[in-house]
Amino acid sequence: MAAVRFVFTVDYVAEILDEDVDLLREIISNDDNLTYGNIISVVTGDDESTSALTDDGVDELRQMLSDARRSAETWQEFLDCFVLDEDIAARVKTYSPR
């Protein structure tokens, strides 16, 4: 396993993947949704932190979203499993699978 040299903030990952940042935050809010070590907490100050992803985490998330968008049905099932916030779910459900 190679050492992690770079991490990417969730905001930047959303930009890279052209995804809704709130959707990505929902997915990575549960550490079990990606392989252990791919989600990292970065301390930004006293009692403040932000989440970041390793290269492998970005790739895993990209593949996860690609697989979820195979059809409207798989996209709906994915959102039902991974997005707990009803407002975010309602907003992203309107996005058509790519």
Protein backbone atom coordinates (compact mmCIF):
# COMPACT_ATOMS: atom_id res chain seq x y z
CA MET A 1 0.00 0.00 0.00
CA ALA A 2 1.44 3.34 -1.04
CA ALA A 3 1.60 6.22 1.39
CA VAL A 4 -1.10 8.87 1.06
CA ARG A 5 0.52 12.03 -0.24
CA PHE A 6 -2.53 14.05 -1.24
CA VAL A 7 -6.10 14.35 -0.05
CA PHE A 8 -8.95 16.19 -1.70
CA THR A 9 -11.64 18.14 0.14
CA VAL A 10 -15.22 17.13 -0.50
CA ASP A 11 -15.93 20.49 -2.13
CA TYR A 12 -13.11 19.92 -4.61
CA VAL A 13 -14.17 16.31 -5.25
CA ALA A 14 -17.68 17.56 -6.06
CA GLU A 15 -16.11 19.95 -8.56
CA ILE A 16 -13.92 17.22 -10.09
CA LEU A 17 -16.80 14.75 -10.40
CA ASP A 18 -19.41 17.40 -11.31
CA GLU A 19 -21.59 16.20 -8.43
CA ASP A 20 -23.72 17.83 -5.77
CA VAL A 21 -21.47 18.49 -2.76
CA ASP A 22 -24.29 17.71 -0.31
CA LEU A 23 -24.81 14.34 -1.98
CA LEU A 24 -21.12 13.51 -1.54
CA ARG A 25 -21.18 14.66 2.08
CA GLU A 26 -24.13 12.38 2.74
CA ILE A 27 -22.34 9.40 1.20
CA ILE A 28 -19.10 9.89 3.10
CA SER A 29 -20.79 10.82 6.38
CA ASN A 30 -20.76 7.08 7.08
CA ASP A 31 -17.18 5.77 7.13
CA ASP A 32 -18.45 2.33 6.15
CA ASN A 33 -19.55 3.54 2.71
CA LEU A 34 -15.99 3.60 1.36
CA THR A 35 -12.98 1.39 2.00
CA TYR A 36 -11.28 2.02 5.34
CA GLY A 37 -8.73 4.83 5.08
CA ASN A 38 -10.21 6.51 2.01
CA ILE A 39 -12.11 9.12 4.07
CA ILE A 40 -9.93 11.38 6.19
CA SER A 41 -10.86 14.05 8.73
CA VAL A 42 -8.71 17.15 8.45
CA VAL A 43 -8.55 19.36 11.53
CA THR A 44 -8.90 23.00 10.51
CA GLY A 45 -8.99 24.60 13.94
CA ASP A 46 -10.22 24.18 17.49
CA ASP A 47 -13.21 21.82 17.31
CA GLU A 48 -13.38 22.28 13.54
CA SER A 49 -12.68 19.73 10.84
CA THR A 50 -13.57 18.87 7.28
CA SER A 51 -13.67 15.60 5.40
CA ALA A 52 -11.28 14.75 2.61
CA LEU A 53 -10.75 11.79 0.32
CA THR A 54 -7.62 10.01 -0.82
CA ASP A 55 -6.99 9.33 -4.54
CA ASP A 56 -8.39 5.85 -4.01
CA GLY A 57 -11.41 7.34 -2.23
CA VAL A 58 -12.14 9.64 -5.17
CA ASP A 59 -11.86 6.71 -7.59
CA GLU A 60 -14.06 4.51 -5.40
CA LEU A 61 -16.70 7.24 -5.10
CA ARG A 62 -16.59 7.87 -8.87
CA GLN A 63 -17.14 4.15 -9.55
CA MET A 64 -19.89 3.92 -6.93
CA LEU A 65 -21.82 6.78 -8.52
CA SER A 66 -21.26 5.41 -12.02
CA ASP A 67 -22.63 2.01 -10.99
CA ALA A 68 -25.60 3.65 -9.26
CA ARG A 69 -26.52 5.54 -12.41
CA ARG A 70 -26.86 2.47 -14.63
CA SER A 71 -30.61 2.96 -14.63
CA ALA A 72 -33.27 5.12 -13.02
CA GLU A 73 -34.14 2.19 -10.75
CA THR A 74 -30.58 1.64 -9.48
CA TRP A 75 -30.19 5.40 -8.98
CA GLN A 76 -33.35 5.49 -6.86
CA GLU A 77 -32.22 2.48 -4.82
CA PHE A 78 -28.80 4.06 -4.30
CA LEU A 79 -30.30 7.31 -3.05
CA ASP A 80 -32.65 5.44 -0.72
CA CYS A 81 -29.68 3.62 0.82
CA PHE A 82 -27.10 6.40 1.01
CA VAL A 83 -28.95 9.70 1.39
CA LEU A 84 -30.68 10.10 4.74
CA ASP A 85 -31.42 13.84 4.53
CA GLU A 86 -34.85 14.11 2.89
CA ASP A 87 -34.23 17.58 1.45
CA ILE A 88 -31.03 16.46 -0.26
CA ALA A 89 -32.68 13.25 -1.46
CA ALA A 90 -35.59 15.17 -2.96
CA ARG A 91 -33.23 17.56 -4.74
CA VAL A 92 -30.89 14.89 -6.15
CA LYS A 93 -33.68 12.50 -7.11
CA THR A 94 -34.66 15.00 -9.77
CA TYR A 95 -31.24 14.59 -11.40
CA SER A 96 -31.52 12.07 -14.17
CA PRO A 97 -29.09 9.17 -14.22
CA ARG A 98 -26.16 10.00 -16.48
